[in-house]
Each structure stands twice: as structure tokens, then as C-alpha cells.
Amino acid sequence: MEHTLRQILDKLNKMEANMATKQELAEIKAELEEVKASMVTKQEFEEVKGNMATKQELEEIKANMATKQDFTLVQQAVLETNEIVKKLESKIDSHEKLLTLLSHRSLEHEAAISSIRFLLAK
């Protein structure tokens, strides 16, 4: 019987050694409360889930995105267009100079004609 009591006592001592104290339980409870407080609620999770793109949407976005090659082609087209615009600006400048020269000549001719009319009228 004493042997059985000693076995029971040994088991109780082992159980007591493995049991948490009130302080340890309080610490675990505090940690659990912190974890609960920082967890996302189901509603918050559903909101996030609702705002996320699906795999299909991501694939559609990916399919519609421009590639690096597309950007290179666009850049090349912009540079070519820029060159064309510069040439047109240059031509416009020379045309403006020509128009200015022609308008001066026209004014000179009008003045000459006016002078001739004046002399003929006398």
C-alpha cells in the first residue's frame, strides 16, 4: 500500500510541476487578450476580401497592360513625331518670313501705284 501511495504522490508531484501557476495563467490570458485585440474581425476580413482583385481580374489587368516593347514603340513614335513637329516649325518660320517679305513688297507696290495715280491725276 505504501508503494501505491508513493506512486500516487510521485504522479501528483509530476502533475504539480507541469501545472501553470495563477500568475502564469494571468500572463497567458493577457497575451490571449492582446492577440484577440489585434486580430481582424470577420467583417473587416470580408471588407478586405471584397476590395481585393480576383485572379481573373489580375489576369485581365495583366493582359491589358503595356509591355516594355510597347513602351519602346511608343517612345520611338513620340521621338519621330517630335522630329516632324520641329521640321514643321522650321517651315512655318520660313513661311512667316516669306509672308512678311511679300507683305512689305505689296505695301511698296501699293505705295508706288498710289504715287503713279497721284501723278496721273494731275
C-alpha atoms as a PDB file:
ATOM      1  CA  MET A   1       0.000   0.000   0.000  1.00  0.00           C
ATOM      2  CA  GLU A   2       2.818   2.359   0.834  1.00  0.00           C
ATOM      3  CA  HIS A   3       4.280   1.702  -2.567  1.00  0.00           C
ATOM      4  CA  THR A   4       0.986   2.645  -4.242  1.00  0.00           C
ATOM      5  CA  LEU A   5       0.769   5.810  -2.172  1.00  0.00           C
ATOM      6  CA  ARG A   6       4.313   6.725  -3.185  1.00  0.00           C
ATOM      7  CA  GLN A   7       3.409   6.195  -6.883  1.00  0.00           C
ATOM      8  CA  ILE A   8       0.332   8.388  -6.470  1.00  0.00           C
ATOM      9  CA  LEU A   9       2.439  11.030  -4.716  1.00  0.00           C
ATOM     10  CA  ASP A  10       5.032  10.902  -7.491  1.00  0.00           C
ATOM     11  CA  LYS A  11       2.341  11.310 -10.119  1.00  0.00           C
ATOM     12  CA  LEU A  12       0.819  14.215  -8.205  1.00  0.00           C
ATOM     13  CA  ASN A  13       4.243  15.863  -7.926  1.00  0.00           C
ATOM     14  CA  LYS A  14       4.792  15.474 -11.671  1.00  0.00           C
ATOM     15  CA  MET A  15       1.347  16.908 -12.362  1.00  0.00           C
ATOM     16  CA  GLU A  16       2.012  19.808  -9.999  1.00  0.00           C
ATOM     17  CA  ALA A  17       5.332  20.505 -11.711  1.00  0.00           C
ATOM     18  CA  ASN A  18       3.578  20.648 -15.096  1.00  0.00           C
ATOM     19  CA  MET A  19       0.683  22.792 -13.940  1.00  0.00           C
ATOM     20  CA  ALA A  20       0.667  26.530 -14.529  1.00  0.00           C
ATOM     21  CA  THR A  21       0.545  28.935 -11.640  1.00  0.00           C
ATOM     22  CA  LYS A  22      -2.155  31.596 -11.292  1.00  0.00           C
ATOM     23  CA  GLN A  23       0.384  34.194 -12.378  1.00  0.00           C
ATOM     24  CA  GLU A  24       1.325  32.163 -15.467  1.00  0.00           C
ATOM     25  CA  LEU A  25      -2.368  31.735 -16.287  1.00  0.00           C
ATOM     26  CA  ALA A  26      -2.896  35.502 -15.910  1.00  0.00           C
ATOM     27  CA  GLU A  27       0.048  36.172 -18.242  1.00  0.00           C
ATOM     28  CA  ILE A  28      -1.305  33.712 -20.799  1.00  0.00           C
ATOM     29  CA  LYS A  29      -4.744  35.306 -20.512  1.00  0.00           C
ATOM     30  CA  ALA A  30      -3.230  38.785 -21.033  1.00  0.00           C
ATOM     31  CA  GLU A  31      -1.334  37.557 -24.104  1.00  0.00           C
ATOM     32  CA  LEU A  32      -4.514  35.963 -25.424  1.00  0.00           C
ATOM     33  CA  GLU A  33      -6.392  39.261 -24.974  1.00  0.00           C
ATOM     34  CA  GLU A  34      -3.648  41.092 -26.892  1.00  0.00           C
ATOM     35  CA  VAL A  35      -3.883  38.547 -29.700  1.00  0.00           C
ATOM     36  CA  LYS A  36      -7.685  38.895 -29.753  1.00  0.00           C
ATOM     37  CA  ALA A  37      -7.421  42.691 -29.844  1.00  0.00           C
ATOM     38  CA  SER A  38      -5.038  42.658 -32.804  1.00  0.00           C
ATOM     39  CA  MET A  39      -6.982  40.075 -34.783  1.00  0.00           C
ATOM     40  CA  VAL A  40      -9.112  41.099 -37.738  1.00  0.00           C
ATOM     41  CA  THR A  41     -12.842  40.676 -37.305  1.00  0.00           C
ATOM     42  CA  LYS A  42     -14.884  38.680 -39.787  1.00  0.00           C
ATOM     43  CA  GLN A  43     -16.461  41.894 -41.061  1.00  0.00           C
ATOM     44  CA  GLU A  44     -13.051  43.540 -41.572  1.00  0.00           C
ATOM     45  CA  PHE A  45     -11.822  40.408 -43.304  1.00  0.00           C
ATOM     46  CA  GLU A  46     -14.854  40.386 -45.606  1.00  0.00           C
ATOM     47  CA  GLU A  47     -14.275  44.087 -46.429  1.00  0.00           C
ATOM     48  CA  VAL A  48     -10.657  43.407 -47.323  1.00  0.00           C
ATOM     49  CA  LYS A  49     -11.675  40.348 -49.295  1.00  0.00           C
ATOM     50  CA  GLY A  50     -14.301  42.416 -51.141  1.00  0.00           C
ATOM     51  CA  ASN A  51     -11.694  45.031 -52.086  1.00  0.00           C
ATOM     52  CA  MET A  52      -9.171  42.526 -53.379  1.00  0.00           C
ATOM     53  CA  ALA A  53      -8.858  41.709 -57.054  1.00  0.00           C
ATOM     54  CA  THR A  54      -9.580  38.160 -58.091  1.00  0.00           C
ATOM     55  CA  LYS A  55      -7.108  36.059 -60.038  1.00  0.00           C
ATOM     56  CA  GLN A  56      -9.248  36.556 -63.134  1.00  0.00           C
ATOM     57  CA  GLU A  57      -9.243  40.342 -62.662  1.00  0.00           C
ATOM     58  CA  LEU A  58      -5.474  40.310 -62.224  1.00  0.00           C
ATOM     59  CA  GLU A  59      -5.118  38.280 -65.413  1.00  0.00           C
ATOM     60  CA  GLU A  60      -7.335  40.770 -67.270  1.00  0.00           C
ATOM     61  CA  ILE A  61      -5.260  43.677 -65.958  1.00  0.00           C
ATOM     62  CA  LYS A  62      -2.081  41.870 -66.928  1.00  0.00           C
ATOM     63  CA  ALA A  63      -3.453  41.177 -70.405  1.00  0.00           C
ATOM     64  CA  ASN A  64      -4.334  44.871 -70.871  1.00  0.00           C
ATOM     65  CA  MET A  65      -1.035  46.231 -69.597  1.00  0.00           C
ATOM     66  CA  ALA A  66       1.529  47.619 -71.986  1.00  0.00           C
ATOM     67  CA  THR A  67       4.778  45.728 -72.263  1.00  0.00           C
ATOM     68  CA  LYS A  68       8.280  47.163 -72.320  1.00  0.00           C
ATOM     69  CA  GLN A  69       8.263  46.612 -76.071  1.00  0.00           C
ATOM     70  CA  ASP A  70       5.038  48.646 -76.326  1.00  0.00           C
ATOM     71  CA  PHE A  71       6.676  51.465 -74.391  1.00  0.00           C
ATOM     72  CA  THR A  72       9.700  51.322 -76.666  1.00  0.00           C
ATOM     73  CA  LEU A  73       7.463  51.604 -79.724  1.00  0.00           C
ATOM     74  CA  VAL A  74       5.520  54.485 -78.187  1.00  0.00           C
ATOM     75  CA  GLN A  75       8.759  56.234 -77.263  1.00  0.00           C
ATOM     76  CA  GLN A  76      10.032  55.806 -80.827  1.00  0.00           C
ATOM     77  CA  ALA A  77       6.775  57.187 -82.233  1.00  0.00           C
ATOM     78  CA  VAL A  78       6.959  60.179 -79.884  1.00  0.00           C
ATOM     79  CA  LEU A  79      10.542  60.914 -80.935  1.00  0.00           C
ATOM     80  CA  GLU A  80       9.613  60.655 -84.627  1.00  0.00           C
ATOM     81  CA  THR A  81       6.608  62.926 -84.067  1.00  0.00           C
ATOM     82  CA  ASN A  82       8.856  65.385 -82.251  1.00  0.00           C
ATOM     83  CA  GLU A  83      11.199  65.487 -85.248  1.00  0.00           C
ATOM     84  CA  ILE A  84       8.268  66.076 -87.607  1.00  0.00           C
ATOM     85  CA  VAL A  85       6.978  68.901 -85.393  1.00  0.00           C
ATOM     86  CA  LYS A  86      10.420  70.514 -85.372  1.00  0.00           C
ATOM     87  CA  LYS A  87      10.570  70.361 -89.175  1.00  0.00           C
ATOM     88  CA  LEU A  88       7.080  71.848 -89.439  1.00  0.00           C
ATOM     89  CA  GLU A  89       8.018  74.644 -87.029  1.00  0.00           C
ATOM     90  CA  SER A  90      11.084  75.380 -89.140  1.00  0.00           C
ATOM     91  CA  LYS A  91       8.967  75.508 -92.305  1.00  0.00           C
ATOM     92  CA  ILE A  92       6.393  77.718 -90.607  1.00  0.00           C
ATOM     93  CA  ASP A  93       9.157  80.106 -89.531  1.00  0.00           C
ATOM     94  CA  SER A  94      10.497  80.337 -93.095  1.00  0.00           C
ATOM     95  CA  HIS A  95       6.938  80.806 -94.437  1.00  0.00           C
ATOM     96  CA  GLU A  96       6.321  83.589 -91.930  1.00  0.00           C
ATOM     97  CA  LYS A  97       9.499  85.333 -93.064  1.00  0.00           C
ATOM     98  CA  LEU A  98       8.448  84.926 -96.677  1.00  0.00           C
ATOM     99  CA  LEU A  99       4.944  86.278 -95.943  1.00  0.00           C
ATOM    100  CA  THR A 100       6.446  89.260 -94.135  1.00  0.00           C
ATOM    101  CA  LEU A 101       8.710  89.971 -97.091  1.00  0.00           C
ATOM    102  CA  LEU A 102       5.807  89.634 -99.544  1.00  0.00           C
ATOM    103  CA  SER A 103       3.584  91.918 -97.470  1.00  0.00           C
ATOM    104  CA  HIS A 104       6.354  94.566 -97.433  1.00  0.00           C
ATOM    105  CA  ARG A 105       6.681  94.285-101.203  1.00  0.00           C
ATOM    106  CA  SER A 106       2.912  94.511-101.565  1.00  0.00           C
ATOM    107  CA  LEU A 107       2.890  97.664 -99.453  1.00  0.00           C
ATOM    108  CA  GLU A 108       5.723  99.105-101.540  1.00  0.00           C
ATOM    109  CA  HIS A 109       3.821  98.312-104.733  1.00  0.00           C
ATOM    110  CA  GLU A 110       0.631  99.850-103.358  1.00  0.00           C
ATOM    111  CA  ALA A 111       2.570 102.982-102.451  1.00  0.00           C
ATOM    112  CA  ALA A 112       4.122 103.114-105.917  1.00  0.00           C
ATOM    113  CA  ILE A 113       0.736 102.620-107.582  1.00  0.00           C
ATOM    114  CA  SER A 114      -0.736 105.313-105.380  1.00  0.00           C
ATOM    115  CA  SER A 115       2.091 107.660-106.357  1.00  0.00           C
ATOM    116  CA  ILE A 116       1.599 106.899-110.047  1.00  0.00           C
ATOM    117  CA  ARG A 117      -2.183 107.518-109.730  1.00  0.00           C
ATOM    118  CA  PHE A 118      -1.485 110.770-107.981  1.00  0.00           C
ATOM    119  CA  LEU A 119       0.901 111.876-110.769  1.00  0.00           C
ATOM    120  CA  LEU A 120      -1.553 110.815-113.471  1.00  0.00           C
ATOM    121  CA  ALA A 121      -4.389 112.648-111.787  1.00  0.00           C
ATOM    122  CA  LYS A 122      -2.505 115.966-112.001  1.00  0.00           C
END
